[in-house]
mmCIF file of all heavy atoms, coordinates in Angstrom:
data_MODEL
# 
_entry.id   MODEL 
# 
loop_
_atom_site.group_PDB 
_atom_site.id 
_atom_site.type_symbol 
_atom_site.label_atom_id 
_atom_site.label_alt_id 
_atom_site.label_comp_id 
_atom_site.label_asym_id 
_atom_site.label_entity_id 
_atom_site.label_seq_id 
_atom_site.pdbx_PDB_ins_code 
_atom_site.Cartn_x 
_atom_site.Cartn_y 
_atom_site.Cartn_z 
_atom_site.occupancy 
_atom_site.B_iso_or_equiv 
_atom_site.pdbx_formal_charge 
_atom_site.auth_seq_id 
_atom_site.auth_comp_id 
_atom_site.auth_asym_id 
_atom_site.auth_atom_id 
_atom_site.pdbx_PDB_model_num 
ATOM 1   N N   . ILE A 1 1  ? 0.838   -1.193 0.000   1.00 0.00 ? 1  ILE A N   1 
ATOM 2   C CA  . ILE A 1 1  ? 0.000   0.000  0.000   1.00 0.00 ? 1  ILE A CA  1 
ATOM 3   C C   . ILE A 1 1  ? 0.878   1.250  0.000   1.00 0.00 ? 1  ILE A C   1 
ATOM 4   O O   . ILE A 1 1  ? 1.823   1.341  0.790   1.00 0.00 ? 1  ILE A O   1 
ATOM 5   C CB  . ILE A 1 1  ? -0.920  0.010  1.242   1.00 0.00 ? 1  ILE A CB  1 
ATOM 6   C CG1 . ILE A 1 1  ? -1.852  -1.187 1.208   1.00 0.00 ? 1  ILE A CG1 1 
ATOM 7   C CG2 . ILE A 1 1  ? -1.708  1.307  1.334   1.00 0.00 ? 1  ILE A CG2 1 
ATOM 8   C CD1 . ILE A 1 1  ? -2.600  -1.402 2.509   1.00 0.00 ? 1  ILE A CD1 1 
ATOM 9   N N   . PRO A 1 2  ? 0.572   2.239  -0.848  1.00 0.00 ? 2  PRO A N   1 
ATOM 10  C CA  . PRO A 1 2  ? 1.329   3.500  -0.781  1.00 0.00 ? 2  PRO A CA  1 
ATOM 11  C C   . PRO A 1 2  ? 1.189   4.131  0.598   1.00 0.00 ? 2  PRO A C   1 
ATOM 12  O O   . PRO A 1 2  ? 0.116   4.081  1.212   1.00 0.00 ? 2  PRO A O   1 
ATOM 13  C CB  . PRO A 1 2  ? 0.660   4.379  -1.843  1.00 0.00 ? 2  PRO A CB  1 
ATOM 14  C CG  . PRO A 1 2  ? -0.105  3.451  -2.713  1.00 0.00 ? 2  PRO A CG  1 
ATOM 15  C CD  . PRO A 1 2  ? -0.454  2.258  -1.878  1.00 0.00 ? 2  PRO A CD  1 
ATOM 16  N N   . ASP A 1 3  ? 2.277   4.738  1.087   1.00 0.00 ? 3  ASP A N   1 
ATOM 17  C CA  . ASP A 1 3  ? 2.266   5.354  2.415   1.00 0.00 ? 3  ASP A CA  1 
ATOM 18  C C   . ASP A 1 3  ? 1.271   6.501  2.525   1.00 0.00 ? 3  ASP A C   1 
ATOM 19  O O   . ASP A 1 3  ? 0.720   6.754  3.588   1.00 0.00 ? 3  ASP A O   1 
ATOM 20  C CB  . ASP A 1 3  ? 3.646   5.894  2.777   1.00 0.00 ? 3  ASP A CB  1 
ATOM 21  C CG  . ASP A 1 3  ? 4.644   4.781  3.042   1.00 0.00 ? 3  ASP A CG  1 
ATOM 22  O OD1 . ASP A 1 3  ? 4.217   3.630  3.243   1.00 0.00 ? 3  ASP A OD1 1 
ATOM 23  O OD2 . ASP A 1 3  ? 5.842   5.070  3.043   1.00 0.00 ? 3  ASP A OD2 1 
ATOM 24  N N   . SER A 1 4  ? 1.081   7.242  1.432   1.00 0.00 ? 4  SER A N   1 
ATOM 25  C CA  . SER A 1 4  ? 0.194   8.395  1.480   1.00 0.00 ? 4  SER A CA  1 
ATOM 26  C C   . SER A 1 4  ? -0.228  8.769  0.071   1.00 0.00 ? 4  SER A C   1 
ATOM 27  O O   . SER A 1 4  ? 0.332   8.272  -0.912  1.00 0.00 ? 4  SER A O   1 
ATOM 28  C CB  . SER A 1 4  ? 0.879   9.579  2.153   1.00 0.00 ? 4  SER A CB  1 
ATOM 29  O OG  . SER A 1 4  ? 2.037   9.927  1.434   1.00 0.00 ? 4  SER A OG  1 
ATOM 30  N N   . GLU A 1 5  ? -1.204  9.644  0.012   1.00 0.00 ? 5  GLU A N   1 
ATOM 31  C CA  . GLU A 1 5  ? -1.660  10.154 -1.271  1.00 0.00 ? 5  GLU A CA  1 
ATOM 32  C C   . GLU A 1 5  ? -2.302  11.514 -1.066  1.00 0.00 ? 5  GLU A C   1 
ATOM 33  O O   . GLU A 1 5  ? -2.748  11.847 0.028   1.00 0.00 ? 5  GLU A O   1 
ATOM 34  C CB  . GLU A 1 5  ? -2.647  9.190  -1.935  1.00 0.00 ? 5  GLU A CB  1 
ATOM 35  C CG  . GLU A 1 5  ? -3.960  9.050  -1.207  1.00 0.00 ? 5  GLU A CG  1 
ATOM 36  C CD  . GLU A 1 5  ? -4.868  7.976  -1.782  1.00 0.00 ? 5  GLU A CD  1 
ATOM 37  O OE1 . GLU A 1 5  ? -4.897  7.789  -3.009  1.00 0.00 ? 5  GLU A OE1 1 
ATOM 38  O OE2 . GLU A 1 5  ? -5.552  7.320  -0.984  1.00 0.00 ? 5  GLU A OE2 1 
ATOM 39  N N   . ILE A 1 6  ? -2.319  12.277 -2.131  1.00 0.00 ? 6  ILE A N   1 
ATOM 40  C CA  . ILE A 1 6  ? -3.038  13.544 -2.160  1.00 0.00 ? 6  ILE A CA  1 
ATOM 41  C C   . ILE A 1 6  ? -4.111  13.384 -3.225  1.00 0.00 ? 6  ILE A C   1 
ATOM 42  O O   . ILE A 1 6  ? -3.827  13.017 -4.358  1.00 0.00 ? 6  ILE A O   1 
ATOM 43  C CB  . ILE A 1 6  ? -2.115  14.722 -2.494  1.00 0.00 ? 6  ILE A CB  1 
ATOM 44  C CG1 . ILE A 1 6  ? -1.067  14.882 -1.393  1.00 0.00 ? 6  ILE A CG1 1 
ATOM 45  C CG2 . ILE A 1 6  ? -2.927  16.005 -2.679  1.00 0.00 ? 6  ILE A CG2 1 
ATOM 46  C CD1 . ILE A 1 6  ? -0.016  15.912 -1.699  1.00 0.00 ? 6  ILE A CD1 1 
ATOM 47  N N   . ILE A 1 7  ? -5.354  13.635 -2.835  1.00 0.00 ? 7  ILE A N   1 
ATOM 48  C CA  . ILE A 1 7  ? -6.487  13.465 -3.743  1.00 0.00 ? 7  ILE A CA  1 
ATOM 49  C C   . ILE A 1 7  ? -7.084  14.830 -4.030  1.00 0.00 ? 7  ILE A C   1 
ATOM 50  O O   . ILE A 1 7  ? -7.428  15.574 -3.102  1.00 0.00 ? 7  ILE A O   1 
ATOM 51  C CB  . ILE A 1 7  ? -7.552  12.533 -3.118  1.00 0.00 ? 7  ILE A CB  1 
ATOM 52  C CG1 . ILE A 1 7  ? -6.922  11.171 -2.805  1.00 0.00 ? 7  ILE A CG1 1 
ATOM 53  C CG2 . ILE A 1 7  ? -8.757  12.398 -4.037  1.00 0.00 ? 7  ILE A CG2 1 
ATOM 54  C CD1 . ILE A 1 7  ? -7.768  10.287 -1.915  1.00 0.00 ? 7  ILE A CD1 1 
ATOM 55  N N   . LEU A 1 8  ? -7.192  15.173 -5.297  1.00 0.00 ? 8  LEU A N   1 
ATOM 56  C CA  . LEU A 1 8  ? -7.817  16.419 -5.733  1.00 0.00 ? 8  LEU A CA  1 
ATOM 57  C C   . LEU A 1 8  ? -9.202  16.082 -6.258  1.00 0.00 ? 8  LEU A C   1 
ATOM 58  O O   . LEU A 1 8  ? -9.341  15.370 -7.251  1.00 0.00 ? 8  LEU A O   1 
ATOM 59  C CB  . LEU A 1 8  ? -6.982  17.086 -6.829  1.00 0.00 ? 8  LEU A CB  1 
ATOM 60  C CG  . LEU A 1 8  ? -5.509  17.332 -6.493  1.00 0.00 ? 8  LEU A CG  1 
ATOM 61  C CD1 . LEU A 1 8  ? -4.758  17.825 -7.719  1.00 0.00 ? 8  LEU A CD1 1 
ATOM 62  C CD2 . LEU A 1 8  ? -5.391  18.315 -5.359  1.00 0.00 ? 8  LEU A CD2 1 
ATOM 63  N N   . SER A 1 9  ? -10.234 16.590 -5.592  1.00 0.00 ? 9  SER A N   1 
ATOM 64  C CA  . SER A 1 9  ? -11.599 16.278 -6.008  1.00 0.00 ? 9  SER A CA  1 
ATOM 65  C C   . SER A 1 9  ? -12.059 17.235 -7.103  1.00 0.00 ? 9  SER A C   1 
ATOM 66  O O   . SER A 1 9  ? -11.477 18.301 -7.314  1.00 0.00 ? 9  SER A O   1 
ATOM 67  C CB  . SER A 1 9  ? -12.554 16.346 -4.819  1.00 0.00 ? 9  SER A CB  1 
ATOM 68  O OG  . SER A 1 9  ? -12.707 17.684 -4.406  1.00 0.00 ? 9  SER A OG  1 
ATOM 69  N N   . ASN A 1 10 ? -13.118 16.858 -7.791  1.00 0.00 ? 10 ASN A N   1 
ATOM 70  C CA  . ASN A 1 10 ? -13.679 17.693 -8.856  1.00 0.00 ? 10 ASN A CA  1 
ATOM 71  C C   . ASN A 1 10 ? -14.188 19.033 -8.338  1.00 0.00 ? 10 ASN A C   1 
ATOM 72  O O   . ASN A 1 10 ? -14.261 20.000 -9.087  1.00 0.00 ? 10 ASN A O   1 
ATOM 73  C CB  . ASN A 1 10 ? -14.808 16.957 -9.578  1.00 0.00 ? 10 ASN A CB  1 
ATOM 74  C CG  . ASN A 1 10 ? -14.287 15.792 -10.386 1.00 0.00 ? 10 ASN A CG  1 
ATOM 75  O OD1 . ASN A 1 10 ? -13.121 15.768 -10.771 1.00 0.00 ? 10 ASN A OD1 1 
ATOM 76  N ND2 . ASN A 1 10 ? -15.138 14.812 -10.627 1.00 0.00 ? 10 ASN A ND2 1 
ATOM 77  N N   . ASP A 1 11 ? -14.568 19.083 -7.044  1.00 0.00 ? 11 ASP A N   1 
ATOM 78  C CA  . ASP A 1 11 ? -15.092 20.334 -6.495  1.00 0.00 ? 11 ASP A CA  1 
ATOM 79  C C   . ASP A 1 11 ? -14.010 21.183 -5.814  1.00 0.00 ? 11 ASP A C   1 
ATOM 80  O O   . ASP A 1 11 ? -14.308 22.148 -5.115  1.00 0.00 ? 11 ASP A O   1 
ATOM 81  C CB  . ASP A 1 11 ? -16.262 20.072 -5.548  1.00 0.00 ? 11 ASP A CB  1 
ATOM 82  C CG  . ASP A 1 11 ? -15.903 19.158 -4.394  1.00 0.00 ? 11 ASP A CG  1 
ATOM 83  O OD1 . ASP A 1 11 ? -14.733 18.752 -4.278  1.00 0.00 ? 11 ASP A OD1 1 
ATOM 84  O OD2 . ASP A 1 11 ? -16.805 18.839 -3.602  1.00 0.00 ? 11 ASP A OD2 1 
ATOM 85  N N   . GLY A 1 12 ? -12.733 20.817 -6.023  1.00 0.00 ? 12 GLY A N   1 
ATOM 86  C CA  . GLY A 1 12 ? -11.640 21.643 -5.537  1.00 0.00 ? 12 GLY A CA  1 
ATOM 87  C C   . GLY A 1 12 ? -11.071 21.275 -4.178  1.00 0.00 ? 12 GLY A C   1 
ATOM 88  O O   . GLY A 1 12 ? -10.123 21.899 -3.721  1.00 0.00 ? 12 GLY A O   1 
ATOM 89  N N   . TRP A 1 13 ? -11.614 20.271 -3.500  1.00 0.00 ? 13 TRP A N   1 
ATOM 90  C CA  . TRP A 1 13 ? -11.100 19.871 -2.199  1.00 0.00 ? 13 TRP A CA  1 
ATOM 91  C C   . TRP A 1 13 ? -9.825  19.063 -2.361  1.00 0.00 ? 13 TRP A C   1 
ATOM 92  O O   . TRP A 1 13 ? -9.689  18.261 -3.283  1.00 0.00 ? 13 TRP A O   1 
ATOM 93  C CB  . TRP A 1 13 ? -12.136 19.033 -1.437  1.00 0.00 ? 13 TRP A CB  1 
ATOM 94  C CG  . TRP A 1 13 ? -13.241 19.864 -0.883  1.00 0.00 ? 13 TRP A CG  1 
ATOM 95  C CD1 . TRP A 1 13 ? -14.462 20.080 -1.443  1.00 0.00 ? 13 TRP A CD1 1 
ATOM 96  C CD2 . TRP A 1 13 ? -13.224 20.609 0.327   1.00 0.00 ? 13 TRP A CD2 1 
ATOM 97  N NE1 . TRP A 1 13 ? -15.206 20.911 -0.661  1.00 0.00 ? 13 TRP A NE1 1 
ATOM 98  C CE2 . TRP A 1 13 ? -14.468 21.250 0.438   1.00 0.00 ? 13 TRP A CE2 1 
ATOM 99  C CE3 . TRP A 1 13 ? -12.279 20.803 1.331   1.00 0.00 ? 13 TRP A CE3 1 
ATOM 100 C CZ2 . TRP A 1 13 ? -14.793 22.073 1.513   1.00 0.00 ? 13 TRP A CZ2 1 
ATOM 101 C CZ3 . TRP A 1 13 ? -12.606 21.613 2.400   1.00 0.00 ? 13 TRP A CZ3 1 
ATOM 102 C CH2 . TRP A 1 13 ? -13.852 22.238 2.481   1.00 0.00 ? 13 TRP A CH2 1 
ATOM 103 N N   . ILE A 1 14 ? -8.893  19.270 -1.443  1.00 0.00 ? 14 ILE A N   1 
ATOM 104 C CA  . ILE A 1 14 ? -7.659  18.504 -1.411  1.00 0.00 ? 14 ILE A CA  1 
ATOM 105 C C   . ILE A 1 14 ? -7.683  17.648 -0.149  1.00 0.00 ? 14 ILE A C   1 
ATOM 106 O O   . ILE A 1 14 ? -7.897  18.149 0.954   1.00 0.00 ? 14 ILE A O   1 
ATOM 107 C CB  . ILE A 1 14 ? -6.421  19.428 -1.384  1.00 0.00 ? 14 ILE A CB  1 
ATOM 108 C CG1 . ILE A 1 14 ? -6.386  20.285 -2.639  1.00 0.00 ? 14 ILE A CG1 1 
ATOM 109 C CG2 . ILE A 1 14 ? -5.147  18.596 -1.238  1.00 0.00 ? 14 ILE A CG2 1 
ATOM 110 C CD1 . ILE A 1 14 ? -5.319  21.356 -2.614  1.00 0.00 ? 14 ILE A CD1 1 
ATOM 111 N N   . THR A 1 15 ? -7.453  16.343 -0.320  1.00 0.00 ? 15 THR A N   1 
ATOM 112 C CA  . THR A 1 15 ? -7.432  15.425 0.807   1.00 0.00 ? 15 THR A CA  1 
ATOM 113 C C   . THR A 1 15 ? -6.066  14.768 0.881   1.00 0.00 ? 15 THR A C   1 
ATOM 114 O O   . THR A 1 15 ? -5.588  14.232 -0.113  1.00 0.00 ? 15 THR A O   1 
ATOM 115 C CB  . THR A 1 15 ? -8.509  14.326 0.646   1.00 0.00 ? 15 THR A CB  1 
ATOM 116 O OG1 . THR A 1 15 ? -9.790  14.938 0.535   1.00 0.00 ? 15 THR A OG1 1 
ATOM 117 C CG2 . THR A 1 15 ? -8.506  13.369 1.816   1.00 0.00 ? 15 THR A CG2 1 
ATOM 118 N N   . ARG A 1 16 ? -5.429  14.855 2.063   1.00 0.00 ? 16 ARG A N   1 
ATOM 119 C CA  . ARG A 1 16 ? -4.209  14.104 2.341   1.00 0.00 ? 16 ARG A CA  1 
ATOM 120 C C   . ARG A 1 16 ? -4.629  12.892 3.156   1.00 0.00 ? 16 ARG A C   1 
ATOM 121 O O   . ARG A 1 16 ? -5.314  13.020 4.163   1.00 0.00 ? 16 ARG A O   1 
ATOM 122 C CB  . ARG A 1 16 ? -3.231  14.901 3.195   1.00 0.00 ? 16 ARG A CB  1 
ATOM 123 C CG  . ARG A 1 16 ? -2.564  16.011 2.512   1.00 0.00 ? 16 ARG A CG  1 
ATOM 124 C CD  . ARG A 1 16 ? -1.529  16.652 3.408   1.00 0.00 ? 16 ARG A CD  1 
ATOM 125 N NE  . ARG A 1 16 ? -1.990  16.742 4.805   1.00 0.00 ? 16 ARG A NE  1 
ATOM 126 C CZ  . ARG A 1 16 ? -1.269  17.213 5.814   1.00 0.00 ? 16 ARG A CZ  1 
ATOM 127 N NH1 . ARG A 1 16 ? -0.045  17.603 5.591   1.00 0.00 ? 16 ARG A NH1 1 
ATOM 128 N NH2 . ARG A 1 16 ? -1.737  17.282 7.021   1.00 0.00 ? 16 ARG A NH2 1 
ATOM 129 N N   . THR A 1 17 ? -4.209  11.719 2.741   1.00 0.00 ? 17 THR A N   1 
ATOM 130 C CA  . THR A 1 17 ? -4.594  10.531 3.471   1.00 0.00 ? 17 THR A CA  1 
ATOM 131 C C   . THR A 1 17 ? -3.498  9.484  3.357   1.00 0.00 ? 17 THR A C   1 
ATOM 132 O O   . THR A 1 17 ? -2.611  9.584  2.524   1.00 0.00 ? 17 THR A O   1 
ATOM 133 C CB  . THR A 1 17 ? -5.957  9.989  2.987   1.00 0.00 ? 17 THR A CB  1 
ATOM 134 O OG1 . THR A 1 17 ? -6.366  8.909  3.825   1.00 0.00 ? 17 THR A OG1 1 
ATOM 135 C CG2 . THR A 1 17 ? -5.913  9.530  1.544   1.00 0.00 ? 17 THR A CG2 1 
ATOM 136 N N   . GLY A 1 18 ? -3.569  8.496  4.207   1.00 0.00 ? 18 GLY A N   1 
ATOM 137 C CA  . GLY A 1 18 ? -2.598  7.419  4.210   1.00 0.00 ? 18 GLY A CA  1 
ATOM 138 C C   . GLY A 1 18 ? -1.938  7.266  5.561   1.00 0.00 ? 18 GLY A C   1 
ATOM 139 O O   . GLY A 1 18 ? -2.227  8.004  6.494   1.00 0.00 ? 18 GLY A O   1 
ATOM 140 N N   . SER A 1 19 ? -1.043  6.313  5.647   1.00 0.00 ? 19 SER A N   1 
ATOM 141 C CA  . SER A 1 19 ? -0.441  5.965  6.925   1.00 0.00 ? 19 SER A CA  1 
ATOM 142 C C   . SER A 1 19 ? 0.726   6.837  7.338   1.00 0.00 ? 19 SER A C   1 
ATOM 143 O O   . SER A 1 19 ? 1.148   6.800  8.471   1.00 0.00 ? 19 SER A O   1 
ATOM 144 C CB  . SER A 1 19 ? 0.017   4.499  6.883   1.00 0.00 ? 19 SER A CB  1 
ATOM 145 O OG  . SER A 1 19 ? 0.948   4.327  5.835   1.00 0.00 ? 19 SER A OG  1 
ATOM 146 N N   . SER A 1 20 ? 1.276   7.637  6.417   1.00 0.00 ? 20 SER A N   1 
ATOM 147 C CA  . SER A 1 20 ? 2.429   8.457  6.793   1.00 0.00 ? 20 SER A CA  1 
ATOM 148 C C   . SER A 1 20 ? 2.128   9.942  6.762   1.00 0.00 ? 20 SER A C   1 
ATOM 149 O O   . SER A 1 20 ? 3.043   10.746 6.777   1.00 0.00 ? 20 SER A O   1 
ATOM 150 C CB  . SER A 1 20 ? 3.615   8.151  5.876   1.00 0.00 ? 20 SER A CB  1 
ATOM 151 O OG  . SER A 1 20 ? 3.349   8.596  4.561   1.00 0.00 ? 20 SER A OG  1 
ATOM 152 N N   . ILE A 1 21 ? 0.856   10.338 6.751   1.00 0.00 ? 21 ILE A N   1 
ATOM 153 C CA  . ILE A 1 21 ? 0.553   11.757 6.643   1.00 0.00 ? 21 ILE A CA  1 
ATOM 154 C C   . ILE A 1 21 ? 1.019   12.560 7.842   1.00 0.00 ? 21 ILE A C   1 
ATOM 155 O O   . ILE A 1 21 ? 1.288   13.741 7.735   1.00 0.00 ? 21 ILE A O   1 
ATOM 156 C CB  . ILE A 1 21 ? -0.948  12.015 6.408   1.00 0.00 ? 21 ILE A CB  1 
ATOM 157 C CG1 . ILE A 1 21 ? -1.774  11.515 7.581   1.00 0.00 ? 21 ILE A CG1 1 
ATOM 158 C CG2 . ILE A 1 21 ? -1.404  11.409 5.121   1.00 0.00 ? 21 ILE A CG2 1 
ATOM 159 C CD1 . ILE A 1 21 ? -3.220  11.984 7.542   1.00 0.00 ? 21 ILE A CD1 1 
ATOM 160 N N   . PHE A 1 22 ? 1.170   11.923 8.996   1.00 0.00 ? 22 PHE A N   1 
ATOM 161 C CA  . PHE A 1 22 ? 1.577   12.667 10.174  1.00 0.00 ? 22 PHE A CA  1 
ATOM 162 C C   . PHE A 1 22 ? 3.050   13.030 10.137  1.00 0.00 ? 22 PHE A C   1 
ATOM 163 O O   . PHE A 1 22 ? 3.528   13.786 10.956  1.00 0.00 ? 22 PHE A O   1 
ATOM 164 C CB  . PHE A 1 22 ? 1.261   11.888 11.459  1.00 0.00 ? 22 PHE A CB  1 
ATOM 165 C CG  . PHE A 1 22 ? 1.821   10.508 11.470  1.00 0.00 ? 22 PHE A CG  1 
ATOM 166 C CD1 . PHE A 1 22 ? 3.079   10.271 11.971  1.00 0.00 ? 22 PHE A CD1 1 
ATOM 167 C CD2 . PHE A 1 22 ? 1.069   9.447  11.002  1.00 0.00 ? 22 PHE A CD2 1 
ATOM 168 C CE1 . PHE A 1 22 ? 3.601   8.991  11.982  1.00 0.00 ? 22 PHE A CE1 1 
ATOM 169 C CE2 . PHE A 1 22 ? 1.585   8.172  11.025  1.00 0.00 ? 22 PHE A CE2 1 
ATOM 170 C CZ  . PHE A 1 22 ? 2.854   7.939  11.506  1.00 0.00 ? 22 PHE A CZ  1 
ATOM 171 N N   . ASN A 1 23 ? 3.799   12.506 9.172   1.00 0.00 ? 23 ASN A N   1 
ATOM 172 C CA  . ASN A 1 23 ? 5.212   12.858 9.030   1.00 0.00 ? 23 ASN A CA  1 
ATOM 173 C C   . ASN A 1 23 ? 5.414   14.091 8.150   1.00 0.00 ? 23 ASN A C   1 
ATOM 174 O O   . ASN A 1 23 ? 6.525   14.531 7.950   1.00 0.00 ? 23 ASN A O   1 
ATOM 175 C CB  . ASN A 1 23 ? 6.000   11.681 8.428   1.00 0.00 ? 23 ASN A CB  1 
ATOM 176 C CG  . ASN A 1 23 ? 6.100   10.532 9.398   1.00 0.00 ? 23 ASN A CG  1 
ATOM 177 O OD1 . ASN A 1 23 ? 6.170   10.729 10.593  1.00 0.00 ? 23 ASN A OD1 1 
ATOM 178 N ND2 . ASN A 1 23 ? 6.061   9.320  8.876   1.00 0.00 ? 23 ASN A ND2 1 
ATOM 179 N N   . TRP A 1 24 ? 4.364   14.649 7.580   1.00 0.00 ? 24 TRP A N   1 
ATOM 180 C CA  . TRP A 1 24 ? 4.487   15.778 6.656   1.00 0.00 ? 24 TRP A CA  1 
ATOM 181 C C   . TRP A 1 24 ? 4.733   17.044 7.412   1.00 0.00 ? 24 TRP A C   1 
ATOM 182 O O   . TRP A 1 24 ? 4.334   17.318 8.455   1.00 0.00 ? 24 TRP A O   1 
ATOM 183 C CB  . TRP A 1 24 ? 3.252   15.907 5.799   1.00 0.00 ? 24 TRP A CB  1 
ATOM 184 C CG  . TRP A 1 24 ? 3.081   14.782 4.842   1.00 0.00 ? 24 TRP A CG  1 
ATOM 185 C CD1 . TRP A 1 24 ? 3.786   13.622 4.795   1.00 0.00 ? 24 TRP A CD1 1 
ATOM 186 C CD2 . TRP A 1 24 ? 2.124   14.686 3.802   1.00 0.00 ? 24 TRP A CD2 1 
ATOM 187 N NE1 . TRP A 1 24 ? 3.331   12.832 3.802   1.00 0.00 ? 24 TRP A NE1 1 
ATOM 188 C CE2 . TRP A 1 24 ? 2.311   13.454 3.162   1.00 0.00 ? 24 TRP A CE2 1 
ATOM 189 C CE3 . TRP A 1 24 ? 1.139   15.518 3.330   1.00 0.00 ? 24 TRP A CE3 1 
ATOM 190 C CZ2 . TRP A 1 24 ? 1.535   13.035 2.100   1.00 0.00 ? 24 TRP A CZ2 1 
ATOM 191 C CZ3 . TRP A 1 24 ? 0.376   15.091 2.277   1.00 0.00 ? 24 TRP A CZ3 1 
ATOM 192 C CH2 . TRP A 1 24 ? 0.583   13.868 1.668   1.00 0.00 ? 24 TRP A CH2 1 
# 
């Protein structure tokens, strides 16, 4: 599984998710 990802939604929202997001 990728450690993290950034998801850009069609309505402009940005979501950071995954198991290593707290290291950012």
